[in-house]
N, C-alpha and C. Protein backbone atom coordinates (compact mmCIF):
# COMPACT_ATOMS: atom_id res chain seq x y z
N MET A 1 -16.38 0.58 -7.03
CA MET A 1 -15.24 -0.18 -6.60
C MET A 1 -14.26 -0.44 -7.73
N GLY A 2 -14.67 -0.35 -8.97
CA GLY A 2 -13.80 -0.65 -10.08
C GLY A 2 -12.81 0.44 -10.40
N ARG A 3 -12.98 1.61 -9.81
CA ARG A 3 -12.11 2.73 -10.14
C ARG A 3 -10.66 2.39 -9.90
N LEU A 4 -10.33 1.78 -8.79
CA LEU A 4 -8.93 1.50 -8.49
C LEU A 4 -8.35 0.46 -9.42
N ARG A 5 -9.16 -0.49 -9.84
CA ARG A 5 -8.64 -1.50 -10.75
C ARG A 5 -8.15 -0.87 -12.03
N GLN A 6 -8.65 0.31 -12.37
CA GLN A 6 -8.23 0.99 -13.58
C GLN A 6 -7.02 1.88 -13.33
N VAL A 7 -6.77 2.19 -12.06
CA VAL A 7 -5.63 3.04 -11.74
C VAL A 7 -4.37 2.21 -11.89
N VAL A 8 -3.40 2.72 -12.58
CA VAL A 8 -2.13 2.01 -12.70
C VAL A 8 -1.09 2.84 -11.95
N ALA A 9 -1.02 2.63 -10.65
CA ALA A 9 0.01 3.29 -9.85
C ALA A 9 1.34 2.69 -10.24
N THR A 10 2.38 3.47 -10.17
CA THR A 10 3.65 2.97 -10.68
C THR A 10 4.47 2.20 -9.66
N VAL A 11 4.33 2.49 -8.37
CA VAL A 11 5.15 1.77 -7.41
C VAL A 11 4.50 1.65 -6.06
N THR A 12 4.91 0.63 -5.28
CA THR A 12 4.50 0.53 -3.89
C THR A 12 5.34 -0.49 -3.15
N THR A 13 5.85 -0.12 -2.03
CA THR A 13 6.57 -1.09 -1.22
C THR A 13 5.60 -2.04 -0.54
N VAL A 14 4.35 -1.74 -0.59
CA VAL A 14 3.36 -2.57 0.07
C VAL A 14 3.40 -3.99 -0.44
N ALA A 15 3.57 -4.18 -1.73
CA ALA A 15 3.48 -5.51 -2.31
C ALA A 15 4.42 -6.51 -1.67
N VAL A 16 5.62 -6.12 -1.40
CA VAL A 16 6.57 -7.06 -0.82
C VAL A 16 6.95 -6.65 0.58
N VAL A 17 7.51 -5.48 0.72
CA VAL A 17 7.98 -5.04 2.03
C VAL A 17 6.82 -4.84 2.98
N GLY A 18 5.81 -4.12 2.53
CA GLY A 18 4.70 -3.79 3.41
C GLY A 18 3.87 -4.98 3.78
N LEU A 19 3.52 -5.83 2.83
CA LEU A 19 2.68 -6.97 3.16
C LEU A 19 3.39 -7.88 4.14
N SER A 20 4.67 -8.13 3.94
CA SER A 20 5.40 -8.97 4.88
C SER A 20 5.55 -8.27 6.23
N ALA A 21 5.86 -6.99 6.22
CA ALA A 21 6.02 -6.26 7.47
C ALA A 21 4.70 -6.16 8.21
N ALA A 22 3.62 -5.93 7.49
CA ALA A 22 2.33 -5.77 8.13
C ALA A 22 1.89 -7.06 8.80
N CYS A 23 2.29 -8.17 8.25
CA CYS A 23 1.82 -9.44 8.77
C CYS A 23 2.85 -10.15 9.63
N GLY A 24 4.00 -9.54 9.79
CA GLY A 24 5.03 -10.15 10.62
C GLY A 24 5.69 -11.35 9.98
N GLY A 25 5.45 -11.56 8.68
CA GLY A 25 6.03 -12.71 8.00
C GLY A 25 7.44 -12.41 7.53
N ASP A 26 8.06 -13.44 6.99
CA ASP A 26 9.39 -13.25 6.43
C ASP A 26 9.28 -12.53 5.12
N ASN A 27 10.23 -11.68 4.82
CA ASN A 27 10.25 -11.03 3.52
C ASN A 27 10.63 -12.06 2.48
N PRO A 28 9.97 -12.04 1.31
CA PRO A 28 10.40 -12.95 0.26
C PRO A 28 11.85 -12.65 -0.11
N LYS A 29 12.55 -13.67 -0.57
CA LYS A 29 13.94 -13.49 -0.96
C LYS A 29 14.00 -12.75 -2.29
N PRO A 30 14.80 -11.69 -2.35
CA PRO A 30 14.95 -11.01 -3.63
C PRO A 30 15.65 -11.91 -4.62
N SER A 31 15.38 -11.68 -5.89
CA SER A 31 16.03 -12.48 -6.91
C SER A 31 17.46 -12.00 -7.07
N SER A 32 18.30 -12.92 -7.54
CA SER A 32 19.66 -12.51 -7.83
C SER A 32 19.70 -11.99 -9.25
N GLY A 33 20.76 -11.42 -9.60
CA GLY A 33 20.87 -10.90 -10.95
C GLY A 33 21.35 -9.47 -10.91
N PRO A 34 21.40 -8.85 -12.06
CA PRO A 34 21.92 -7.49 -12.10
C PRO A 34 21.09 -6.56 -11.25
N SER A 35 21.76 -5.65 -10.59
CA SER A 35 21.09 -4.69 -9.75
C SER A 35 20.84 -3.42 -10.53
N ALA A 36 19.79 -2.73 -10.12
CA ALA A 36 19.51 -1.44 -10.73
C ALA A 36 20.53 -0.44 -10.22
N SER A 37 20.72 0.60 -10.98
CA SER A 37 21.61 1.67 -10.54
C SER A 37 21.01 2.37 -9.36
N PRO A 38 21.84 2.99 -8.51
CA PRO A 38 21.29 3.77 -7.42
C PRO A 38 20.41 4.87 -7.99
N PRO A 39 19.45 5.33 -7.19
CA PRO A 39 18.57 6.38 -7.69
C PRO A 39 19.34 7.64 -8.01
N THR A 40 18.87 8.33 -9.01
CA THR A 40 19.44 9.62 -9.36
C THR A 40 18.34 10.65 -9.26
N GLU A 41 18.72 11.91 -9.31
CA GLU A 41 17.71 12.96 -9.25
C GLU A 41 16.66 12.79 -10.33
N SER A 42 17.08 12.36 -11.53
CA SER A 42 16.11 12.21 -12.61
C SER A 42 15.18 11.02 -12.39
N SER A 43 15.58 10.03 -11.57
CA SER A 43 14.70 8.89 -11.33
C SER A 43 13.82 9.09 -10.11
N ARG A 44 13.99 10.16 -9.39
CA ARG A 44 13.18 10.45 -8.21
C ARG A 44 11.77 10.84 -8.61
N PRO A 45 10.79 10.56 -7.76
CA PRO A 45 9.44 11.01 -8.04
C PRO A 45 9.42 12.53 -8.19
N THR A 46 8.52 13.00 -9.01
CA THR A 46 8.43 14.43 -9.24
C THR A 46 7.15 14.97 -8.64
N ALA A 47 7.06 16.28 -8.62
CA ALA A 47 5.87 16.94 -8.10
C ALA A 47 4.63 16.61 -8.93
N SER A 48 4.82 16.06 -10.13
CA SER A 48 3.67 15.73 -10.96
C SER A 48 2.87 14.55 -10.40
N ALA A 49 3.47 13.78 -9.51
CA ALA A 49 2.73 12.70 -8.88
C ALA A 49 1.70 13.33 -7.94
N THR A 50 0.43 12.99 -8.14
CA THR A 50 -0.61 13.61 -7.33
C THR A 50 -1.34 12.56 -6.52
N LEU A 51 -1.81 12.99 -5.37
CA LEU A 51 -2.60 12.13 -4.51
C LEU A 51 -3.87 11.75 -5.25
N PRO A 52 -4.23 10.48 -5.24
CA PRO A 52 -5.43 10.07 -5.95
C PRO A 52 -6.68 10.72 -5.36
N ALA A 53 -7.65 10.97 -6.22
CA ALA A 53 -8.93 11.53 -5.78
C ALA A 53 -9.72 10.46 -5.03
N ARG A 54 -10.42 10.87 -4.02
CA ARG A 54 -11.20 9.94 -3.22
C ARG A 54 -12.63 9.86 -3.74
N ASP A 55 -13.11 8.67 -3.94
CA ASP A 55 -14.49 8.44 -4.35
C ASP A 55 -15.41 8.88 -3.22
N PRO A 56 -16.38 9.75 -3.48
CA PRO A 56 -17.27 10.22 -2.42
C PRO A 56 -17.99 9.07 -1.70
N GLY A 57 -18.23 7.97 -2.40
CA GLY A 57 -18.89 6.82 -1.79
C GLY A 57 -18.04 6.13 -0.73
N SER A 58 -16.75 6.44 -0.68
CA SER A 58 -15.87 5.77 0.28
C SER A 58 -16.11 6.23 1.72
N SER A 59 -16.94 7.24 1.91
CA SER A 59 -17.27 7.68 3.27
C SER A 59 -18.58 7.11 3.77
N GLU A 60 -19.35 6.46 2.89
CA GLU A 60 -20.64 5.90 3.28
C GLU A 60 -20.47 4.84 4.36
N ASP A 61 -21.40 4.82 5.31
CA ASP A 61 -21.43 3.77 6.33
C ASP A 61 -22.24 2.61 5.77
N SER A 62 -21.59 1.85 4.89
CA SER A 62 -22.25 0.75 4.19
C SER A 62 -21.19 -0.25 3.71
N ARG A 63 -21.66 -1.37 3.21
CA ARG A 63 -20.76 -2.37 2.64
C ARG A 63 -19.95 -1.75 1.50
N ARG A 64 -20.63 -1.03 0.61
CA ARG A 64 -19.95 -0.38 -0.51
C ARG A 64 -18.96 0.65 0.00
N GLY A 65 -19.34 1.43 1.00
CA GLY A 65 -18.45 2.45 1.55
C GLY A 65 -17.19 1.85 2.14
N ALA A 66 -17.34 0.75 2.89
CA ALA A 66 -16.18 0.10 3.50
C ALA A 66 -15.23 -0.43 2.43
N ALA A 67 -15.79 -1.10 1.40
CA ALA A 67 -14.96 -1.67 0.34
C ALA A 67 -14.27 -0.56 -0.48
N THR A 68 -15.00 0.49 -0.78
CA THR A 68 -14.43 1.60 -1.55
C THR A 68 -13.36 2.32 -0.74
N PHE A 69 -13.57 2.44 0.57
CA PHE A 69 -12.56 3.04 1.43
C PHE A 69 -11.27 2.22 1.41
N VAL A 70 -11.37 0.90 1.49
CA VAL A 70 -10.18 0.05 1.45
C VAL A 70 -9.44 0.25 0.13
N GLU A 71 -10.17 0.34 -0.97
CA GLU A 71 -9.51 0.61 -2.26
C GLU A 71 -8.76 1.95 -2.20
N TYR A 72 -9.39 2.95 -1.62
CA TYR A 72 -8.73 4.26 -1.52
C TYR A 72 -7.50 4.19 -0.62
N TYR A 73 -7.60 3.47 0.49
CA TYR A 73 -6.44 3.32 1.38
C TYR A 73 -5.27 2.69 0.60
N ILE A 74 -5.55 1.67 -0.18
CA ILE A 74 -4.50 1.05 -0.98
C ILE A 74 -3.93 2.05 -1.99
N GLU A 75 -4.78 2.87 -2.58
CA GLU A 75 -4.29 3.92 -3.49
C GLU A 75 -3.32 4.85 -2.76
N THR A 76 -3.64 5.21 -1.51
CA THR A 76 -2.75 6.12 -0.77
C THR A 76 -1.42 5.43 -0.45
N LEU A 77 -1.44 4.12 -0.23
CA LEU A 77 -0.19 3.39 -0.03
C LEU A 77 0.62 3.36 -1.32
N ASN A 78 -0.04 3.14 -2.45
CA ASN A 78 0.65 3.19 -3.74
C ASN A 78 1.27 4.57 -3.94
N TYR A 79 0.52 5.61 -3.64
CA TYR A 79 1.02 6.98 -3.77
C TYR A 79 2.21 7.21 -2.84
N ALA A 80 2.10 6.77 -1.59
CA ALA A 80 3.19 6.95 -0.62
C ALA A 80 4.46 6.27 -1.10
N SER A 81 4.30 5.10 -1.65
CA SER A 81 5.47 4.36 -2.13
C SER A 81 6.08 5.03 -3.35
N ARG A 82 5.25 5.58 -4.21
CA ARG A 82 5.70 6.24 -5.42
C ARG A 82 6.43 7.54 -5.10
N THR A 83 6.02 8.23 -4.02
CA THR A 83 6.53 9.57 -3.75
C THR A 83 7.31 9.71 -2.45
N GLY A 84 7.12 8.78 -1.51
CA GLY A 84 7.70 8.94 -0.19
C GLY A 84 6.83 9.76 0.74
N GLU A 85 5.73 10.31 0.23
CA GLU A 85 4.81 11.12 1.04
C GLU A 85 3.79 10.21 1.69
N THR A 86 3.87 10.07 3.01
CA THR A 86 3.03 9.11 3.71
C THR A 86 1.87 9.74 4.48
N ASP A 87 1.75 11.06 4.48
CA ASP A 87 0.72 11.72 5.30
C ASP A 87 -0.70 11.23 5.04
N ALA A 88 -1.07 11.07 3.79
CA ALA A 88 -2.44 10.66 3.46
C ALA A 88 -2.72 9.25 4.00
N ALA A 89 -1.80 8.33 3.82
CA ALA A 89 -2.00 6.97 4.32
C ALA A 89 -2.03 6.96 5.85
N GLU A 90 -1.17 7.75 6.47
CA GLU A 90 -1.16 7.82 7.93
C GLU A 90 -2.48 8.35 8.46
N ALA A 91 -3.08 9.32 7.77
CA ALA A 91 -4.32 9.92 8.22
C ALA A 91 -5.49 8.94 8.17
N LEU A 92 -5.37 7.89 7.38
CA LEU A 92 -6.45 6.90 7.24
C LEU A 92 -6.27 5.70 8.16
N ALA A 93 -5.22 5.71 8.95
CA ALA A 93 -4.91 4.59 9.84
C ALA A 93 -5.30 4.93 11.28
N ALA A 94 -5.94 3.99 11.95
CA ALA A 94 -6.25 4.16 13.37
C ALA A 94 -4.94 4.21 14.16
N PRO A 95 -4.93 4.95 15.27
CA PRO A 95 -3.68 5.07 16.05
C PRO A 95 -3.05 3.74 16.45
N GLY A 96 -3.82 2.70 16.68
CA GLY A 96 -3.27 1.42 17.11
C GLY A 96 -3.03 0.43 15.99
N CYS A 97 -3.12 0.86 14.74
CA CYS A 97 -2.97 -0.07 13.62
C CYS A 97 -1.49 -0.38 13.40
N ARG A 98 -1.03 -1.49 13.94
CA ARG A 98 0.39 -1.86 13.82
C ARG A 98 0.77 -2.20 12.39
N SER A 99 -0.11 -2.89 11.66
CA SER A 99 0.21 -3.23 10.27
C SER A 99 0.35 -1.96 9.44
N CYS A 100 -0.50 -0.97 9.70
CA CYS A 100 -0.40 0.31 8.99
C CYS A 100 0.93 0.99 9.31
N SER A 101 1.28 1.02 10.58
CA SER A 101 2.54 1.66 11.01
C SER A 101 3.75 0.98 10.39
N ARG A 102 3.73 -0.33 10.30
CA ARG A 102 4.87 -1.05 9.73
C ARG A 102 5.06 -0.70 8.26
N VAL A 103 3.97 -0.61 7.52
CA VAL A 103 4.08 -0.27 6.10
C VAL A 103 4.60 1.16 5.95
N ILE A 104 4.01 2.09 6.69
CA ILE A 104 4.44 3.49 6.63
C ILE A 104 5.92 3.62 7.01
N ASP A 105 6.32 2.95 8.10
CA ASP A 105 7.72 3.00 8.53
C ASP A 105 8.65 2.45 7.45
N SER A 106 8.23 1.39 6.79
CA SER A 106 9.05 0.80 5.73
C SER A 106 9.25 1.78 4.58
N ILE A 107 8.17 2.43 4.17
CA ILE A 107 8.26 3.43 3.10
C ILE A 107 9.17 4.58 3.53
N GLN A 108 8.98 5.06 4.74
CA GLN A 108 9.78 6.19 5.23
C GLN A 108 11.26 5.84 5.30
N ARG A 109 11.59 4.62 5.72
CA ARG A 109 13.00 4.21 5.80
C ARG A 109 13.66 4.21 4.42
N VAL A 110 12.93 3.72 3.42
CA VAL A 110 13.49 3.70 2.07
C VAL A 110 13.81 5.12 1.61
N TYR A 111 12.87 6.03 1.76
CA TYR A 111 13.08 7.39 1.27
C TYR A 111 14.05 8.17 2.16
N ALA A 112 14.08 7.89 3.45
CA ALA A 112 15.04 8.57 4.34
C ALA A 112 16.47 8.17 3.98
N GLY A 113 16.65 6.95 3.48
CA GLY A 113 17.97 6.48 3.05
C GLY A 113 18.29 6.88 1.63
N ASP A 114 17.50 7.77 1.05
CA ASP A 114 17.68 8.22 -0.32
C ASP A 114 17.52 7.06 -1.30
N GLY A 115 16.66 6.11 -0.91
CA GLY A 115 16.38 4.97 -1.78
C GLY A 115 15.17 5.23 -2.64
N GLU A 116 14.72 4.18 -3.30
CA GLU A 116 13.55 4.29 -4.15
C GLU A 116 12.90 2.93 -4.34
N VAL A 117 11.66 2.99 -4.78
CA VAL A 117 10.89 1.79 -5.08
C VAL A 117 10.38 1.94 -6.50
N ARG A 118 10.51 0.87 -7.27
CA ARG A 118 9.96 0.85 -8.62
C ARG A 118 9.06 -0.37 -8.76
N GLY A 119 7.88 -0.15 -9.32
CA GLY A 119 6.94 -1.25 -9.55
C GLY A 119 6.23 -1.64 -8.26
N GLY A 120 5.55 -2.77 -8.32
CA GLY A 120 4.89 -3.32 -7.15
C GLY A 120 3.50 -2.79 -6.87
N ALA A 121 2.94 -2.00 -7.77
CA ALA A 121 1.61 -1.43 -7.51
C ALA A 121 0.59 -2.52 -7.26
N TRP A 122 -0.28 -2.27 -6.29
CA TRP A 122 -1.38 -3.17 -5.98
C TRP A 122 -2.58 -2.80 -6.82
N ARG A 123 -3.25 -3.81 -7.37
CA ARG A 123 -4.54 -3.63 -8.04
C ARG A 123 -5.52 -4.55 -7.31
N PRO A 124 -6.29 -3.95 -6.39
CA PRO A 124 -7.18 -4.77 -5.56
C PRO A 124 -8.54 -5.03 -6.20
N ASN A 125 -9.14 -6.11 -5.77
CA ASN A 125 -10.49 -6.45 -6.14
C ASN A 125 -11.20 -6.93 -4.88
N PRO A 126 -11.95 -6.03 -4.20
CA PRO A 126 -12.66 -6.47 -3.00
C PRO A 126 -13.64 -7.59 -3.33
N VAL A 127 -13.60 -8.65 -2.53
CA VAL A 127 -14.47 -9.79 -2.79
C VAL A 127 -15.56 -9.95 -1.75
N SER A 128 -15.36 -9.38 -0.57
CA SER A 128 -16.42 -9.44 0.44
C SER A 128 -16.21 -8.35 1.47
N ALA A 129 -17.31 -7.93 2.06
CA ALA A 129 -17.28 -6.98 3.17
C ALA A 129 -18.36 -7.44 4.15
N VAL A 130 -17.95 -7.71 5.38
CA VAL A 130 -18.86 -8.23 6.38
C VAL A 130 -18.81 -7.34 7.61
N ARG A 131 -19.99 -6.93 8.09
CA ARG A 131 -20.06 -6.10 9.29
C ARG A 131 -19.80 -6.97 10.52
N THR A 132 -18.97 -6.46 11.42
CA THR A 132 -18.69 -7.13 12.69
C THR A 132 -18.87 -6.12 13.82
N ASP A 133 -18.69 -6.56 15.06
CA ASP A 133 -18.76 -5.63 16.19
C ASP A 133 -17.67 -4.57 16.11
N ALA A 134 -16.54 -4.91 15.48
CA ALA A 134 -15.41 -3.99 15.39
C ALA A 134 -15.52 -3.03 14.19
N GLY A 135 -16.46 -3.24 13.30
CA GLY A 135 -16.58 -2.42 12.10
C GLY A 135 -16.93 -3.30 10.91
N TRP A 136 -16.11 -3.23 9.87
CA TRP A 136 -16.28 -4.07 8.69
C TRP A 136 -14.97 -4.79 8.41
N VAL A 137 -15.07 -6.02 7.97
CA VAL A 137 -13.90 -6.77 7.49
C VAL A 137 -14.05 -6.88 5.98
N VAL A 138 -13.08 -6.33 5.27
CA VAL A 138 -13.10 -6.33 3.81
C VAL A 138 -11.97 -7.23 3.32
N ASP A 139 -12.33 -8.30 2.63
CA ASP A 139 -11.33 -9.20 2.04
C ASP A 139 -11.09 -8.77 0.60
N VAL A 140 -9.81 -8.74 0.22
CA VAL A 140 -9.42 -8.19 -1.07
C VAL A 140 -8.46 -9.16 -1.76
N ASN A 141 -8.77 -9.51 -3.00
CA ASN A 141 -7.79 -10.20 -3.85
C ASN A 141 -6.93 -9.12 -4.48
N ILE A 142 -5.63 -9.34 -4.51
CA ILE A 142 -4.71 -8.31 -4.98
C ILE A 142 -3.76 -8.90 -6.01
N GLU A 143 -3.60 -8.17 -7.10
CA GLU A 143 -2.53 -8.46 -8.06
C GLU A 143 -1.49 -7.39 -7.86
N PHE A 144 -0.22 -7.78 -7.81
CA PHE A 144 0.82 -6.77 -7.69
C PHE A 144 1.92 -7.00 -8.71
N GLU A 145 2.47 -5.87 -9.14
CA GLU A 145 3.49 -5.86 -10.19
C GLU A 145 4.85 -6.30 -9.65
N PRO A 146 5.74 -6.72 -10.54
CA PRO A 146 7.13 -6.93 -10.12
C PRO A 146 7.67 -5.63 -9.52
N GLN A 147 8.66 -5.75 -8.67
CA GLN A 147 9.14 -4.60 -7.92
C GLN A 147 10.64 -4.68 -7.70
N SER A 148 11.28 -3.50 -7.68
CA SER A 148 12.67 -3.42 -7.23
C SER A 148 12.75 -2.32 -6.18
N ILE A 149 13.54 -2.59 -5.16
CA ILE A 149 13.69 -1.65 -4.05
C ILE A 149 15.17 -1.39 -3.83
N VAL A 150 15.54 -0.14 -3.83
CA VAL A 150 16.87 0.29 -3.42
C VAL A 150 16.65 0.93 -2.06
N ARG A 151 17.11 0.26 -1.00
CA ARG A 151 16.81 0.72 0.35
C ARG A 151 17.56 1.99 0.73
N SER A 152 18.73 2.19 0.16
CA SER A 152 19.45 3.46 0.35
C SER A 152 20.44 3.62 -0.79
N ARG A 153 20.77 4.86 -1.06
CA ARG A 153 21.66 5.19 -2.18
C ARG A 153 22.93 4.34 -2.09
N GLY A 154 23.29 3.77 -3.24
CA GLY A 154 24.51 2.99 -3.32
C GLY A 154 24.32 1.51 -3.06
N GLU A 155 23.20 1.11 -2.50
CA GLU A 155 22.94 -0.31 -2.27
C GLU A 155 22.38 -0.95 -3.53
N PRO A 156 22.60 -2.25 -3.69
CA PRO A 156 22.03 -2.92 -4.85
C PRO A 156 20.50 -3.01 -4.71
N ALA A 157 19.85 -3.10 -5.85
CA ALA A 157 18.39 -3.24 -5.86
C ALA A 157 18.00 -4.66 -5.47
N GLU A 158 16.95 -4.77 -4.68
CA GLU A 158 16.34 -6.06 -4.38
C GLU A 158 15.19 -6.18 -5.37
N LYS A 159 15.10 -7.34 -6.03
CA LYS A 159 14.06 -7.52 -7.04
C LYS A 159 13.09 -8.61 -6.58
N TYR A 160 11.80 -8.34 -6.78
CA TYR A 160 10.75 -9.25 -6.37
C TYR A 160 9.80 -9.48 -7.53
N PRO A 161 9.33 -10.71 -7.69
CA PRO A 161 8.38 -10.98 -8.78
C PRO A 161 7.01 -10.41 -8.42
N GLY A 162 6.21 -10.17 -9.42
CA GLY A 162 4.82 -9.80 -9.18
C GLY A 162 4.06 -11.04 -8.74
N GLY A 163 2.79 -10.87 -8.53
CA GLY A 163 1.99 -12.02 -8.14
C GLY A 163 0.60 -11.64 -7.69
N ARG A 164 0.02 -12.56 -6.96
CA ARG A 164 -1.33 -12.38 -6.43
C ARG A 164 -1.33 -12.73 -4.96
N GLY A 165 -2.24 -12.13 -4.24
CA GLY A 165 -2.39 -12.44 -2.83
C GLY A 165 -3.76 -12.00 -2.36
N THR A 166 -4.03 -12.27 -1.11
CA THR A 166 -5.28 -11.87 -0.48
C THR A 166 -4.95 -11.18 0.82
N ALA A 167 -5.66 -10.11 1.10
CA ALA A 167 -5.49 -9.40 2.36
C ALA A 167 -6.87 -9.14 2.95
N SER A 168 -6.89 -9.03 4.25
CA SER A 168 -8.13 -8.78 4.98
C SER A 168 -7.95 -7.49 5.79
N PHE A 169 -8.80 -6.52 5.55
CA PHE A 169 -8.73 -5.21 6.21
C PHE A 169 -9.89 -5.06 7.17
N THR A 170 -9.61 -4.69 8.41
CA THR A 170 -10.66 -4.33 9.36
C THR A 170 -10.71 -2.82 9.40
N VAL A 171 -11.88 -2.26 9.07
CA VAL A 171 -12.05 -0.81 9.08
C VAL A 171 -13.16 -0.46 10.07
N LYS A 172 -13.01 0.69 10.70
CA LYS A 172 -14.01 1.11 11.68
C LYS A 172 -14.38 2.56 11.43
N ARG A 173 -15.54 2.93 11.93
CA ARG A 173 -16.02 4.30 11.79
C ARG A 173 -15.37 5.16 12.86
N GLU A 174 -14.97 6.34 12.45
CA GLU A 174 -14.45 7.36 13.37
C GLU A 174 -15.19 8.63 12.98
N GLY A 175 -16.18 9.00 13.75
CA GLY A 175 -17.02 10.12 13.37
C GLY A 175 -17.80 9.75 12.12
N SER A 176 -17.67 10.54 11.08
CA SER A 176 -18.40 10.27 9.84
C SER A 176 -17.51 9.64 8.77
N ASP A 177 -16.37 9.08 9.16
CA ASP A 177 -15.46 8.51 8.18
C ASP A 177 -14.89 7.19 8.70
N TRP A 178 -14.05 6.58 7.90
CA TRP A 178 -13.42 5.29 8.20
C TRP A 178 -11.97 5.46 8.60
N LEU A 179 -11.48 4.48 9.37
CA LEU A 179 -10.05 4.32 9.62
C LEU A 179 -9.73 2.84 9.47
N VAL A 180 -8.52 2.53 9.01
CA VAL A 180 -8.07 1.14 8.96
C VAL A 180 -7.62 0.80 10.37
N ASP A 181 -8.22 -0.24 10.93
CA ASP A 181 -7.89 -0.66 12.29
C ASP A 181 -6.77 -1.71 12.29
N GLN A 182 -6.73 -2.53 11.22
CA GLN A 182 -5.72 -3.58 11.11
C GLN A 182 -5.88 -4.23 9.75
N TRP A 183 -4.80 -4.77 9.23
CA TRP A 183 -4.92 -5.61 8.06
C TRP A 183 -3.87 -6.70 8.08
N THR A 184 -4.23 -7.82 7.47
CA THR A 184 -3.37 -9.00 7.48
C THR A 184 -3.52 -9.75 6.17
N ARG A 185 -2.58 -10.63 5.94
CA ARG A 185 -2.77 -11.58 4.83
C ARG A 185 -3.84 -12.55 5.29
N ALA A 186 -4.73 -12.86 4.39
CA ALA A 186 -5.83 -13.78 4.74
C ALA A 186 -5.44 -15.21 4.46
C-alpha cells in the first residue's frame, strides 16, 4: 500500500474539482491573485507521461487487495488529470458510479477546452477496509497539493490551496477484478 505514497504525480483535478463534483458539494472558492498564463504547447503534458504500473496485489479478493486497488484508482485519476487521458480511470469505474463519472467529465471538460491542470496530486493513505454486502468500503486519508486550473485557453487560472481530506470508496468484485462502485467524502 505504500507504493502510491511514494509516487509524486504532478497534477489532478480530483483534489478540488473532482472531490467536490463527486460529492455534489460546492467547489471551494479559488484564491484571488495573479493568474497563470494560458496553456501553451510547451506546458502541455507530453507523451513521456506514462500510466502508472499496477501492483499485482491490487487484484486480490482481500482487504489488502481492495485497499491497493483504491490506491491504484487514485493513481489513474492523477494520471488522467496530468494528461487528459481518462480511459484507464474509466475502465476501473462501475457503470453506475456517478462520482467516478463526475470526476472523469470534469477532467475531460478541462482538456476539451484546451485547458490544463497543475498540481493537486493526491497522496492517499488507506486507513481501513471493511467488507460489506456491496463489496469493500475503503476509507482513505488524503493529502493533496496546491492546484491551479485553467478551464479553457484564455481564461484565468483558478488557484486552490493544498490540504488534507478523507474519502470513502466502495469497491466491488467484477469477475476476478475490482471496480469502484462509488466514492464520497467521509
